[in-house]
Amino acid sequence: MRWPLIIILLTAACSQEANHLGNPLMLPVSGVSTVIGNAAYEKRRGEVELIVKSNYETIKADIRAGGGPVLTKAMDAAGIPERDRPARIIQLQSDMGLYQTTPGALVTALMVYGG
């Protein structure tokens, strides 16, 4: 009675479906691509952070006004698509209390919206 159960369990372990580890032979390649992806993200985040922290009061005024040159520059750096920007500005306006004293929260929101 045990052998059929063991065979079923072993057969189920040989699935061709995706798993969370992926192909073990590809781990070095995926590790390198992760490092490259993280470096690109950190560079982009650094640019957004510099814009936001250097122009914090101006960017808050741009958000309240529904747009402006500094907010546009920050959205460009974050990679937010132009077609999404009107909705994102409305979201930023509704969450303005979060960004009132914390520039890091605004940087994070812009990076999330930028993907």
PDB file of N, CA and C in Angstrom:
ATOM      1  N   MET A   1       0.816  -1.195   0.000  1.00  0.00           N
ATOM      2  CA  MET A   1       0.000   0.000   0.000  1.00  0.00           C
ATOM      3  C   MET A   1       0.863   1.264   0.000  1.00  0.00           C
ATOM      4  N   ARG A   2       2.053   1.171   0.574  1.00  0.00           N
ATOM      5  CA  ARG A   2       2.916   2.341   0.617  1.00  0.00           C
ATOM      6  C   ARG A   2       3.520   2.660  -0.739  1.00  0.00           C
ATOM      7  N   TRP A   3       3.871   1.675  -1.515  1.00  0.00           N
ATOM      8  CA  TRP A   3       4.565   1.908  -2.780  1.00  0.00           C
ATOM      9  C   TRP A   3       3.751   2.755  -3.755  1.00  0.00           C
ATOM     10  N   PRO A   4       2.467   2.515  -3.939  1.00  0.00           N
ATOM     11  CA  PRO A   4       1.715   3.396  -4.848  1.00  0.00           C
ATOM     12  C   PRO A   4       1.731   4.854  -4.376  1.00  0.00           C
ATOM     13  N   LEU A   5       1.631   5.054  -3.070  1.00  0.00           N
ATOM     14  CA  LEU A   5       1.662   6.411  -2.526  1.00  0.00           C
ATOM     15  C   LEU A   5       3.025   7.066  -2.762  1.00  0.00           C
ATOM     16  N   ILE A   6       4.086   6.317  -2.542  1.00  0.00           N
ATOM     17  CA  ILE A   6       5.438   6.844  -2.760  1.00  0.00           C
ATOM     18  C   ILE A   6       5.653   7.164  -4.234  1.00  0.00           C
ATOM     19  N   ILE A   7       5.207   6.302  -5.115  1.00  0.00           N
ATOM     20  CA  ILE A   7       5.361   6.536  -6.557  1.00  0.00           C
ATOM     21  C   ILE A   7       4.578   7.772  -6.992  1.00  0.00           C
ATOM     22  N   ILE A   8       3.375   7.953  -6.473  1.00  0.00           N
ATOM     23  CA  ILE A   8       2.574   9.133  -6.811  1.00  0.00           C
ATOM     24  C   ILE A   8       3.278  10.405  -6.337  1.00  0.00           C
ATOM     25  N   LEU A   9       3.817  10.387  -5.130  1.00  0.00           N
ATOM     26  CA  LEU A   9       4.518  11.563  -4.606  1.00  0.00           C
ATOM     27  C   LEU A   9       5.768  11.885  -5.416  1.00  0.00           C
ATOM     28  N   LEU A  10       6.532  10.865  -5.776  1.00  0.00           N
ATOM     29  CA  LEU A  10       7.739  11.092  -6.573  1.00  0.00           C
ATOM     30  C   LEU A  10       7.397  11.580  -7.973  1.00  0.00           C
ATOM     31  N   THR A  11       6.345  11.050  -8.551  1.00  0.00           N
ATOM     32  CA  THR A  11       5.924  11.486  -9.884  1.00  0.00           C
ATOM     33  C   THR A  11       5.451  12.938  -9.851  1.00  0.00           C
ATOM     34  N   ALA A  12       4.742  13.311  -8.800  1.00  0.00           N
ATOM     35  CA  ALA A  12       4.271  14.692  -8.671  1.00  0.00           C
ATOM     36  C   ALA A  12       5.444  15.660  -8.528  1.00  0.00           C
ATOM     37  N   ALA A  13       6.533  15.212  -7.960  1.00  0.00           N
ATOM     38  CA  ALA A  13       7.708  16.064  -7.790  1.00  0.00           C
ATOM     39  C   ALA A  13       8.411  16.346  -9.108  1.00  0.00           C
ATOM     40  N   CYS A  14       8.109  15.589 -10.137  1.00  0.00           N
ATOM     41  CA  CYS A  14       8.756  15.749 -11.441  1.00  0.00           C
ATOM     42  C   CYS A  14       7.926  16.609 -12.383  1.00  0.00           C
ATOM     43  N   SER A  15       7.185  17.529 -11.866  1.00  0.00           N
ATOM     44  CA  SER A  15       6.303  18.368 -12.668  1.00  0.00           C
ATOM     45  C   SER A  15       7.100  19.270 -13.605  1.00  0.00           C
ATOM     46  N   GLN A  16       6.535  19.551 -14.763  1.00  0.00           N
ATOM     47  CA  GLN A  16       7.139  20.481 -15.718  1.00  0.00           C
ATOM     48  C   GLN A  16       6.636  21.913 -15.499  1.00  0.00           C
ATOM     49  N   GLU A  17       5.792  22.105 -14.521  1.00  0.00           N
ATOM     50  CA  GLU A  17       5.246  23.428 -14.231  1.00  0.00           C
ATOM     51  C   GLU A  17       6.315  24.310 -13.583  1.00  0.00           C
ATOM     52  N   ALA A  18       6.078  25.602 -13.629  1.00  0.00           N
ATOM     53  CA  ALA A  18       7.012  26.554 -13.026  1.00  0.00           C
ATOM     54  C   ALA A  18       7.045  26.377 -11.510  1.00  0.00           C
ATOM     55  N   ASN A  19       8.191  26.648 -10.936  1.00  0.00           N
ATOM     56  CA  ASN A  19       8.320  26.616  -9.486  1.00  0.00           C
ATOM     57  C   ASN A  19       9.055  27.869  -9.040  1.00  0.00           C
ATOM     58  N   HIS A  20       9.192  28.044  -7.771  1.00  0.00           N
ATOM     59  CA  HIS A  20       9.802  29.274  -7.275  1.00  0.00           C
ATOM     60  C   HIS A  20      11.321  29.302  -7.428  1.00  0.00           C
ATOM     61  N   LEU A  21      11.948  28.178  -7.653  1.00  0.00           N
ATOM     62  CA  LEU A  21      13.404  28.159  -7.797  1.00  0.00           C
ATOM     63  C   LEU A  21      13.864  28.306  -9.239  1.00  0.00           C
ATOM     64  N   GLY A  22      13.100  27.788 -10.161  1.00  0.00           N
ATOM     65  CA  GLY A  22      13.521  27.808 -11.551  1.00  0.00           C
ATOM     66  C   GLY A  22      14.536  26.719 -11.823  1.00  0.00           C
ATOM     67  N   ASN A  23      15.129  26.777 -12.982  1.00  0.00           N
ATOM     68  CA  ASN A  23      16.118  25.792 -13.390  1.00  0.00           C
ATOM     69  C   ASN A  23      17.410  26.033 -12.605  1.00  0.00           C
ATOM     70  N   PRO A  24      17.893  25.043 -11.849  1.00  0.00           N
ATOM     71  CA  PRO A  24      19.109  25.262 -11.055  1.00  0.00           C
ATOM     72  C   PRO A  24      20.340  25.562 -11.901  1.00  0.00           C
ATOM     73  N   LEU A  25      20.350  25.122 -13.150  1.00  0.00           N
ATOM     74  CA  LEU A  25      21.491  25.416 -14.016  1.00  0.00           C
ATOM     75  C   LEU A  25      21.520  26.884 -14.445  1.00  0.00           C
ATOM     76  N   MET A  26      20.376  27.556 -14.325  1.00  0.00           N
ATOM     77  CA  MET A  26      20.294  28.961 -14.720  1.00  0.00           C
ATOM     78  C   MET A  26      20.508  29.919 -13.546  1.00  0.00           C
ATOM     79  N   LEU A  27      20.741  29.399 -12.342  1.00  0.00           N
ATOM     80  CA  LEU A  27      20.904  30.267 -11.177  1.00  0.00           C
ATOM     81  C   LEU A  27      22.048  31.276 -11.328  1.00  0.00           C
ATOM     82  N   PRO A  28      23.216  30.913 -11.865  1.00  0.00           N
ATOM     83  CA  PRO A  28      24.259  31.935 -12.040  1.00  0.00           C
ATOM     84  C   PRO A  28      23.825  33.056 -12.988  1.00  0.00           C
ATOM     85  N   VAL A  29      23.120  32.700 -14.046  1.00  0.00           N
ATOM     86  CA  VAL A  29      22.658  33.710 -15.011  1.00  0.00           C
ATOM     87  C   VAL A  29      21.616  34.612 -14.366  1.00  0.00           C
ATOM     88  N   SER A  30      20.673  34.015 -13.630  1.00  0.00           N
ATOM     89  CA  SER A  30      19.650  34.835 -12.994  1.00  0.00           C
ATOM     90  C   SER A  30      20.253  35.706 -11.891  1.00  0.00           C
ATOM     91  N   GLY A  31      21.306  35.227 -11.245  1.00  0.00           N
ATOM     92  CA  GLY A  31      21.985  36.040 -10.237  1.00  0.00           C
ATOM     93  C   GLY A  31      22.626  37.273 -10.839  1.00  0.00           C
ATOM     94  N   VAL A  32      23.284  37.105 -11.976  1.00  0.00           N
ATOM     95  CA  VAL A  32      23.914  38.238 -12.663  1.00  0.00           C
ATOM     96  C   VAL A  32      22.851  39.221 -13.139  1.00  0.00           C
ATOM     97  N   SER A  33      21.759  38.709 -13.706  1.00  0.00           N
ATOM     98  CA  SER A  33      20.713  39.612 -14.200  1.00  0.00           C
ATOM     99  C   SER A  33      20.047  40.358 -13.047  1.00  0.00           C
ATOM    100  N   THR A  34      19.943  39.728 -11.881  1.00  0.00           N
ATOM    101  CA  THR A  34      19.387  40.401 -10.711  1.00  0.00           C
ATOM    102  C   THR A  34      20.297  41.536 -10.261  1.00  0.00           C
ATOM    103  N   VAL A  35      21.593  41.303 -10.258  1.00  0.00           N
ATOM    104  CA  VAL A  35      22.548  42.347  -9.868  1.00  0.00           C
ATOM    105  C   VAL A  35      22.456  43.532 -10.825  1.00  0.00           C
ATOM    106  N   ILE A  36      22.379  43.255 -12.113  1.00  0.00           N
ATOM    107  CA  ILE A  36      22.280  44.326 -13.110  1.00  0.00           C
ATOM    108  C   ILE A  36      20.970  45.092 -12.941  1.00  0.00           C
ATOM    109  N   GLY A  37      19.868  44.358 -12.737  1.00  0.00           N
ATOM    110  CA  GLY A  37      18.567  45.002 -12.537  1.00  0.00           C
ATOM    111  C   GLY A  37      18.541  45.864 -11.292  1.00  0.00           C
ATOM    112  N   ASN A  38      19.133  45.370 -10.210  1.00  0.00           N
ATOM    113  CA  ASN A  38      19.181  46.143  -8.970  1.00  0.00           C
ATOM    114  C   ASN A  38      20.019  47.405  -9.134  1.00  0.00           C
ATOM    115  N   ALA A  39      21.119  47.311  -9.859  1.00  0.00           N
ATOM    116  CA  ALA A  39      21.973  48.487 -10.077  1.00  0.00           C
ATOM    117  C   ALA A  39      21.226  49.555 -10.865  1.00  0.00           C
ATOM    118  N   ALA A  40      20.484  49.134 -11.885  1.00  0.00           N
ATOM    119  CA  ALA A  40      19.713  50.092 -12.686  1.00  0.00           C
ATOM    120  C   ALA A  40      18.626  50.743 -11.839  1.00  0.00           C
ATOM    121  N   TYR A  41      17.957  49.959 -10.997  1.00  0.00           N
ATOM    122  CA  TYR A  41      16.910  50.490 -10.125  1.00  0.00           C
ATOM    123  C   TYR A  41      17.498  51.495  -9.138  1.00  0.00           C
ATOM    124  N   GLU A  42      18.617  51.148  -8.521  1.00  0.00           N
ATOM    125  CA  GLU A  42      19.244  52.039  -7.544  1.00  0.00           C
ATOM    126  C   GLU A  42      19.686  53.353  -8.184  1.00  0.00           C
ATOM    127  N   LYS A  43      20.169  53.300  -9.407  1.00  0.00           N
ATOM    128  CA  LYS A  43      20.575  54.518 -10.121  1.00  0.00           C
ATOM    129  C   LYS A  43      19.363  55.413 -10.363  1.00  0.00           C
ATOM    130  N   ARG A  44      18.266  54.796 -10.830  1.00  0.00           N
ATOM    131  CA  ARG A  44      17.042  55.549 -11.104  1.00  0.00           C
ATOM    132  C   ARG A  44      16.476  56.120  -9.808  1.00  0.00           C
ATOM    133  N   ARG A  45      16.473  55.321  -8.751  1.00  0.00           N
ATOM    134  CA  ARG A  45      15.965  55.788  -7.461  1.00  0.00           C
ATOM    135  C   ARG A  45      16.808  56.950  -6.938  1.00  0.00           C
ATOM    136  N   GLY A  46      18.115  56.870  -7.123  1.00  0.00           N
ATOM    137  CA  GLY A  46      18.988  57.956  -6.695  1.00  0.00           C
ATOM    138  C   GLY A  46      18.673  59.259  -7.412  1.00  0.00           C
ATOM    139  N   GLU A  47      18.383  59.170  -8.705  1.00  0.00           N
ATOM    140  CA  GLU A  47      18.015  60.368  -9.468  1.00  0.00           C
ATOM    141  C   GLU A  47      16.712  60.967  -8.949  1.00  0.00           C
ATOM    142  N   VAL A  48      15.716  60.105  -8.709  1.00  0.00           N
ATOM    143  CA  VAL A  48      14.425  60.582  -8.198  1.00  0.00           C
ATOM    144  C   VAL A  48      14.608  61.197  -6.816  1.00  0.00           C
ATOM    145  N   GLU A  49      15.388  60.544  -5.974  1.00  0.00           N
ATOM    146  CA  GLU A  49      15.616  61.042  -4.623  1.00  0.00           C
ATOM    147  C   GLU A  49      16.300  62.408  -4.642  1.00  0.00           C
ATOM    148  N   LEU A  50      17.260  62.586  -5.518  1.00  0.00           N
ATOM    149  CA  LEU A  50      17.949  63.872  -5.634  1.00  0.00           C
ATOM    150  C   LEU A  50      16.980  64.977  -6.060  1.00  0.00           C
ATOM    151  N   ILE A  51      16.131  64.679  -7.034  1.00  0.00           N
ATOM    152  CA  ILE A  51      15.155  65.673  -7.505  1.00  0.00           C
ATOM    153  C   ILE A  51      14.180  66.031  -6.389  1.00  0.00           C
ATOM    154  N   VAL A  52      13.641  65.011  -5.719  1.00  0.00           N
ATOM    155  CA  VAL A  52      12.630  65.254  -4.680  1.00  0.00           C
ATOM    156  C   VAL A  52      13.234  66.009  -3.504  1.00  0.00           C
ATOM    157  N   LYS A  53      14.373  65.558  -3.001  1.00  0.00           N
ATOM    158  CA  LYS A  53      14.943  66.187  -1.808  1.00  0.00           C
ATOM    159  C   LYS A  53      15.513  67.574  -2.087  1.00  0.00           C
ATOM    160  N   SER A  54      15.973  67.812  -3.310  1.00  0.00           N
ATOM    161  CA  SER A  54      16.510  69.133  -3.663  1.00  0.00           C
ATOM    162  C   SER A  54      15.410  70.161  -3.886  1.00  0.00           C
ATOM    163  N   ASN A  55      14.225  69.701  -4.241  1.00  0.00           N
ATOM    164  CA  ASN A  55      13.117  70.602  -4.588  1.00  0.00           C
ATOM    165  C   ASN A  55      11.854  70.225  -3.819  1.00  0.00           C
ATOM    166  N   TYR A  56      12.003  69.871  -2.554  1.00  0.00           N
ATOM    167  CA  TYR A  56      10.892  69.275  -1.816  1.00  0.00           C
ATOM    168  C   TYR A  56       9.671  70.185  -1.722  1.00  0.00           C
ATOM    169  N   GLU A  57       9.871  71.426  -1.346  1.00  0.00           N
ATOM    170  CA  GLU A  57       8.723  72.342  -1.219  1.00  0.00           C
ATOM    171  C   GLU A  57       8.077  72.603  -2.579  1.00  0.00           C
ATOM    172  N   THR A  58       8.899  72.744  -3.610  1.00  0.00           N
ATOM    173  CA  THR A  58       8.378  73.002  -4.958  1.00  0.00           C
ATOM    174  C   THR A  58       7.587  71.811  -5.479  1.00  0.00           C
ATOM    175  N   ILE A  59       8.089  70.613  -5.249  1.00  0.00           N
ATOM    176  CA  ILE A  59       7.393  69.432  -5.762  1.00  0.00           C
ATOM    177  C   ILE A  59       6.070  69.228  -5.024  1.00  0.00           C
ATOM    178  N   LYS A  60       6.024  69.569  -3.731  1.00  0.00           N
ATOM    179  CA  LYS A  60       4.749  69.485  -3.012  1.00  0.00           C
ATOM    180  C   LYS A  60       3.753  70.494  -3.576  1.00  0.00           C
ATOM    181  N   ALA A  61       4.234  71.680  -3.918  1.00  0.00           N
ATOM    182  CA  ALA A  61       3.356  72.683  -4.536  1.00  0.00           C
ATOM    183  C   ALA A  61       2.883  72.213  -5.909  1.00  0.00           C
ATOM    184  N   ASP A  62       3.772  71.568  -6.670  1.00  0.00           N
ATOM    185  CA  ASP A  62       3.387  71.020  -7.979  1.00  0.00           C
ATOM    186  C   ASP A  62       2.300  69.961  -7.830  1.00  0.00           C
ATOM    187  N   ILE A  63       2.413  69.128  -6.823  1.00  0.00           N
ATOM    188  CA  ILE A  63       1.395  68.092  -6.601  1.00  0.00           C
ATOM    189  C   ILE A  63       0.059  68.742  -6.276  1.00  0.00           C
ATOM    190  N   ARG A  64       0.072  69.720  -5.376  1.00  0.00           N
ATOM    191  CA  ARG A  64      -1.172  70.415  -5.017  1.00  0.00           C
ATOM    192  C   ARG A  64      -1.795  71.108  -6.225  1.00  0.00           C
ATOM    193  N   ALA A  65      -0.947  71.634  -7.116  1.00  0.00           N
ATOM    194  CA  ALA A  65      -1.433  72.363  -8.296  1.00  0.00           C
ATOM    195  C   ALA A  65      -1.861  71.429  -9.423  1.00  0.00           C
ATOM    196  N   GLY A  66      -1.610  70.149  -9.289  1.00  0.00           N
ATOM    197  CA  GLY A  66      -1.993  69.202 -10.339  1.00  0.00           C
ATOM    198  C   GLY A  66      -0.932  69.009 -11.400  1.00  0.00           C
ATOM    199  N   GLY A  67       0.275  69.450 -11.119  1.00  0.00           N
ATOM    200  CA  GLY A  67       1.386  69.270 -12.053  1.00  0.00           C
ATOM    201  C   GLY A  67       2.312  70.460 -12.030  1.00  0.00           C
ATOM    202  N   GLY A  68       3.475  70.283 -12.619  1.00  0.00           N
ATOM    203  CA  GLY A  68       4.464  71.341 -12.668  1.00  0.00           C
ATOM    204  C   GLY A  68       5.785  70.787 -13.158  1.00  0.00           C
ATOM    205  N   PRO A  69       6.748  71.673 -13.440  1.00  0.00           N
ATOM    206  CA  PRO A  69       8.005  71.222 -14.041  1.00  0.00           C
ATOM    207  C   PRO A  69       8.835  70.290 -13.157  1.00  0.00           C
ATOM    208  N   VAL A  70       8.873  70.532 -11.861  1.00  0.00           N
ATOM    209  CA  VAL A  70       9.682  69.678 -10.988  1.00  0.00           C
ATOM    210  C   VAL A  70       9.029  68.303 -10.843  1.00  0.00           C
ATOM    211  N   LEU A  71       7.710  68.274 -10.703  1.00  0.00           N
ATOM    212  CA  LEU A  71       7.005  66.993 -10.618  1.00  0.00           C
ATOM    213  C   LEU A  71       7.172  66.210 -11.919  1.00  0.00           C
ATOM    214  N   THR A  72       7.109  66.898 -13.040  1.00  0.00           N
ATOM    215  CA  THR A  72       7.308  66.236 -14.336  1.00  0.00           C
ATOM    216  C   THR A  72       8.710  65.648 -14.429  1.00  0.00           C
ATOM    217  N   LYS A  73       9.703  66.399 -13.969  1.00  0.00           N
ATOM    218  CA  LYS A  73      11.088  65.912 -13.990  1.00  0.00           C
ATOM    219  C   LYS A  73      11.242  64.674 -13.110  1.00  0.00           C
ATOM    220  N   ALA A  74      10.614  64.682 -11.927  1.00  0.00           N
ATOM    221  CA  ALA A  74      10.684  63.529 -11.022  1.00  0.00           C
ATOM    222  C   ALA A  74       9.974  62.322 -11.628  1.00  0.00           C
ATOM    223  N   MET A  75       8.844  62.556 -12.272  1.00  0.00           N
ATOM    224  CA  MET A  75       8.109  61.458 -12.910  1.00  0.00           C
ATOM    225  C   MET A  75       8.883  60.898 -14.100  1.00  0.00           C
ATOM    226  N   ASP A  76       9.558  61.767 -14.832  1.00  0.00           N
ATOM    227  CA  ASP A  76      10.416  61.295 -15.930  1.00  0.00           C
ATOM    228  C   ASP A  76      11.524  60.394 -15.386  1.00  0.00           C
ATOM    229  N   ALA A  77      12.167  60.841 -14.309  1.00  0.00           N
ATOM    230  CA  ALA A  77      13.263  60.066 -13.723  1.00  0.00           C
ATOM    231  C   ALA A  77      12.770  58.735 -13.160  1.00  0.00           C
ATOM    232  N   ALA A  78      11.543  58.719 -12.626  1.00  0.00           N
ATOM    233  CA  ALA A  78      10.985  57.483 -12.063  1.00  0.00           C
ATOM    234  C   ALA A  78      10.486  56.536 -13.140  1.00  0.00           C
ATOM    235  N   GLY A  79      10.331  57.040 -14.355  1.00  0.00           N
ATOM    236  CA  GLY A  79       9.865  56.186 -15.447  1.00  0.00           C
ATOM    237  C   GLY A  79       8.361  55.998 -15.471  1.00  0.00           C
ATOM    238  N   ILE A  80       7.618  56.961 -14.958  1.00  0.00           N
ATOM    239  CA  ILE A  80       6.156  56.875 -14.969  1.00  0.00           C
ATOM    240  C   ILE A  80       5.671  57.221 -16.369  1.00  0.00           C
ATOM    241  N   PRO A  81       4.928  56.330 -17.018  1.00  0.00           N
ATOM    242  CA  PRO A  81       4.441  56.609 -18.374  1.00  0.00           C
ATOM    243  C   PRO A  81       3.540  57.850 -18.392  1.00  0.00           C
ATOM    244  N   GLU A  82       3.638  58.633 -19.452  1.00  0.00           N
ATOM    245  CA  GLU A  82       2.862  59.875 -19.539  1.00  0.00           C
ATOM    246  C   GLU A  82       1.365  59.623 -19.475  1.00  0.00           C
ATOM    247  N   ARG A  83       0.902  58.509 -20.029  1.00  0.00           N
ATOM    248  CA  ARG A  83      -0.537  58.229 -20.019  1.00  0.00           C
ATOM    249  C   ARG A  83      -1.055  57.956 -18.603  1.00  0.00           C
ATOM    250  N   ASP A  84      -0.168  57.554 -17.689  1.00  0.00           N
ATOM    251  CA  ASP A  84      -0.565  57.255 -16.308  1.00  0.00           C
ATOM    252  C   ASP A  84      -0.471  58.466 -15.385  1.00  0.00           C
ATOM    253  N   ARG A  85       0.169  59.504 -15.817  1.00  0.00           N
ATOM    254  CA  ARG A  85       0.488  60.615 -14.916  1.00  0.00           C
ATOM    255  C   ARG A  85      -0.724  61.342 -14.336  1.00  0.00           C
ATOM    256  N   PRO A  86      -1.780  61.614 -15.111  1.00  0.00           N
ATOM    257  CA  PRO A  86      -2.929  62.288 -14.482  1.00  0.00           C
ATOM    258  C   PRO A  86      -3.506  61.501 -13.299  1.00  0.00           C
ATOM    259  N   ALA A  87      -3.627  60.192 -13.453  1.00  0.00           N
ATOM    260  CA  ALA A  87      -4.147  59.366 -12.355  1.00  0.00           C
ATOM    261  C   ALA A  87      -3.170  59.343 -11.186  1.00  0.00           C
ATOM    262  N   ARG A  88      -1.889  59.299 -11.482  1.00  0.00           N
ATOM    263  CA  ARG A  88      -0.879  59.263 -10.414  1.00  0.00           C
ATOM    264  C   ARG A  88      -0.842  60.579  -9.644  1.00  0.00           C
ATOM    265  N   ILE A  89      -1.052  61.692 -10.336  1.00  0.00           N
ATOM    266  CA  ILE A  89      -1.081  62.990  -9.651  1.00  0.00           C
ATOM    267  C   ILE A  89      -2.270  63.041  -8.697  1.00  0.00           C
ATOM    268  N   ILE A  90      -3.415  62.518  -9.132  1.00  0.00           N
ATOM    269  CA  ILE A  90      -4.588  62.470  -8.252  1.00  0.00           C
ATOM    270  C   ILE A  90      -4.290  61.608  -7.027  1.00  0.00           C
ATOM    271  N   GLN A  91      -3.614  60.490  -7.235  1.00  0.00           N
ATOM    272  CA  GLN A  91      -3.244  59.633  -6.100  1.00  0.00           C
ATOM    273  C   GLN A  91      -2.284  60.357  -5.158  1.00  0.00           C
ATOM    274  N   LEU A  92      -1.311  61.054  -5.731  1.00  0.00           N
ATOM    275  CA  LEU A  92      -0.366  61.807  -4.895  1.00  0.00           C
ATOM    276  C   LEU A  92      -1.099  62.886  -4.095  1.00  0.00           C
ATOM    277  N   GLN A  93      -2.058  63.564  -4.738  1.00  0.00           N
ATOM    278  CA  GLN A  93      -2.824  64.598  -4.041  1.00  0.00           C
ATOM    279  C   GLN A  93      -3.628  64.007  -2.887  1.00  0.00           C
ATOM    280  N   SER A  94      -4.218  62.844  -3.112  1.00  0.00           N
ATOM    281  CA  SER A  94      -5.040  62.246  -2.049  1.00  0.00           C
ATOM    282  C   SER A  94      -4.187  61.722  -0.893  1.00  0.00           C
ATOM    283  N   ASP A  95      -2.929  61.415  -1.154  1.00  0.00           N
ATOM    284  CA  ASP A  95      -2.029  60.920  -0.110  1.00  0.00           C
ATOM    285  C   ASP A  95      -1.070  62.003   0.384  1.00  0.00           C
ATOM    286  N   MET A  96      -1.386  63.250   0.137  1.00  0.00           N
ATOM    287  CA  MET A  96      -0.469  64.347   0.447  1.00  0.00           C
ATOM    288  C   MET A  96      -0.058  64.373   1.920  1.00  0.00           C
ATOM    289  N   GLY A  97      -0.928  63.930   2.800  1.00  0.00           N
ATOM    290  CA  GLY A  97      -0.584  63.895   4.221  1.00  0.00           C
ATOM    291  C   GLY A  97       0.626  63.018   4.514  1.00  0.00           C
ATOM    292  N   LEU A  98       0.788  61.968   3.721  1.00  0.00           N
ATOM    293  CA  LEU A  98       1.934  61.074   3.907  1.00  0.00           C
ATOM    294  C   LEU A  98       3.247  61.739   3.510  1.00  0.00           C
ATOM    295  N   TYR A  99       3.178  62.631   2.535  1.00  0.00           N
ATOM    296  CA  TYR A  99       4.392  63.230   1.975  1.00  0.00           C
ATOM    297  C   TYR A  99       4.704  64.586   2.581  1.00  0.00           C
ATOM    298  N   GLN A 100       3.849  65.075   3.477  1.00  0.00           N
ATOM    299  CA  GLN A 100       3.995  66.419   4.016  1.00  0.00           C
ATOM    300  C   GLN A 100       5.336  66.623   4.715  1.00  0.00           C
ATOM    301  N   THR A 101       5.810  65.612   5.428  1.00  0.00           N
ATOM    302  CA  THR A 101       7.068  65.760   6.171  1.00  0.00           C
ATOM    303  C   THR A 101       8.098  64.691   5.821  1.00  0.00           C
ATOM    304  N   THR A 102       7.762  63.791   4.910  1.00  0.00           N
ATOM    305  CA  THR A 102       8.649  62.667   4.616  1.00  0.00           C
ATOM    306  C   THR A 102       8.951  62.575   3.132  1.00  0.00           C
ATOM    307  N   PRO A 103      10.064  63.145   2.683  1.00  0.00           N
ATOM    308  CA  PRO A 103      10.394  63.050   1.261  1.00  0.00           C
ATOM    309  C   PRO A 103      10.640  61.614   0.808  1.00  0.00           C
ATOM    310  N   GLY A 104      11.118  60.759   1.711  1.00  0.00           N
ATOM    311  CA  GLY A 104      11.360  59.364   1.352  1.00  0.00           C
ATOM    312  C   GLY A 104      10.092  58.640   0.933  1.00  0.00           C
ATOM    313  N   ALA A 105       8.975  58.981   1.564  1.00  0.00           N
ATOM    314  CA  ALA A 105       7.700  58.360   1.194  1.00  0.00           C
ATOM    315  C   ALA A 105       7.290  58.777  -0.213  1.00  0.00           C
ATOM    316  N   LEU A 106       7.550  60.022  -0.566  1.00  0.00           N
ATOM    317  CA  LEU A 106       7.231  60.495  -1.917  1.00  0.00           C
ATOM    318  C   LEU A 106       8.126  59.816  -2.948  1.00  0.00           C
ATOM    319  N   VAL A 107       9.391  59.658  -2.630  1.00  0.00           N
ATOM    320  CA  VAL A 107      10.317  58.957  -3.532  1.00  0.00           C
ATOM    321  C   VAL A 107       9.834  57.528  -3.757  1.00  0.00           C
ATOM    322  N   THR A 108       9.459  56.856  -2.680  1.00  0.00           N
ATOM    323  CA  THR A 108       8.982  55.478  -2.788  1.00  0.00           C
ATOM    324  C   THR A 108       7.727  55.396  -3.640  1.00  0.00           C
ATOM    325  N   ALA A 109       6.785  56.312  -3.432  1.00  0.00           N
ATOM    326  CA  ALA A 109       5.552  56.311  -4.230  1.00  0.00           C
ATOM    327  C   ALA A 109       5.862  56.498  -5.710  1.00  0.00           C
ATOM    328  N   LEU A 110       6.733  57.429  -6.031  1.00  0.00           N
ATOM    329  CA  LEU A 110       7.086  57.661  -7.437  1.00  0.00           C
ATOM    330  C   LEU A 110       7.749  56.433  -8.048  1.00  0.00           C
ATOM    331  N   MET A 111       8.611  55.773  -7.285  1.00  0.00           N
ATOM    332  CA  MET A 111       9.279  54.574  -7.799  1.00  0.00           C
ATOM    333  C   MET A 111       8.291  53.434  -8.003  1.00  0.00           C
ATOM    334  N   VAL A 112       7.327  53.303  -7.113  1.00  0.00           N
ATOM    335  CA  VAL A 112       6.302  52.263  -7.274  1.00  0.00           C
ATOM    336  C   VAL A 112       5.471  52.548  -8.514  1.00  0.00           C
ATOM    337  N   TYR A 113       5.079  53.801  -8.699  1.00  0.00           N
ATOM    338  CA  TYR A 113       4.283  54.159  -9.876  1.00  0.00           C
ATOM    339  C   TYR A 113       5.075  53.961 -11.165  1.00  0.00           C
ATOM    340  N   GLY A 114       6.385  54.143 -11.087  1.00  0.00           N
ATOM    341  CA  GLY A 114       7.223  53.979 -12.274  1.00  0.00           C
ATOM    342  C   GLY A 114       7.490  52.527 -12.620  1.00  0.00           C
ATOM    343  N   GLY A 115       7.222  51.649 -11.695  1.00  0.00           N
ATOM    344  CA  GLY A 115       7.423  50.215 -11.978  1.00  0.00           C
ATOM    345  C   GLY A 115       8.821  49.868 -11.790  1.00  0.00           C
TER     346      GLY A 115
END
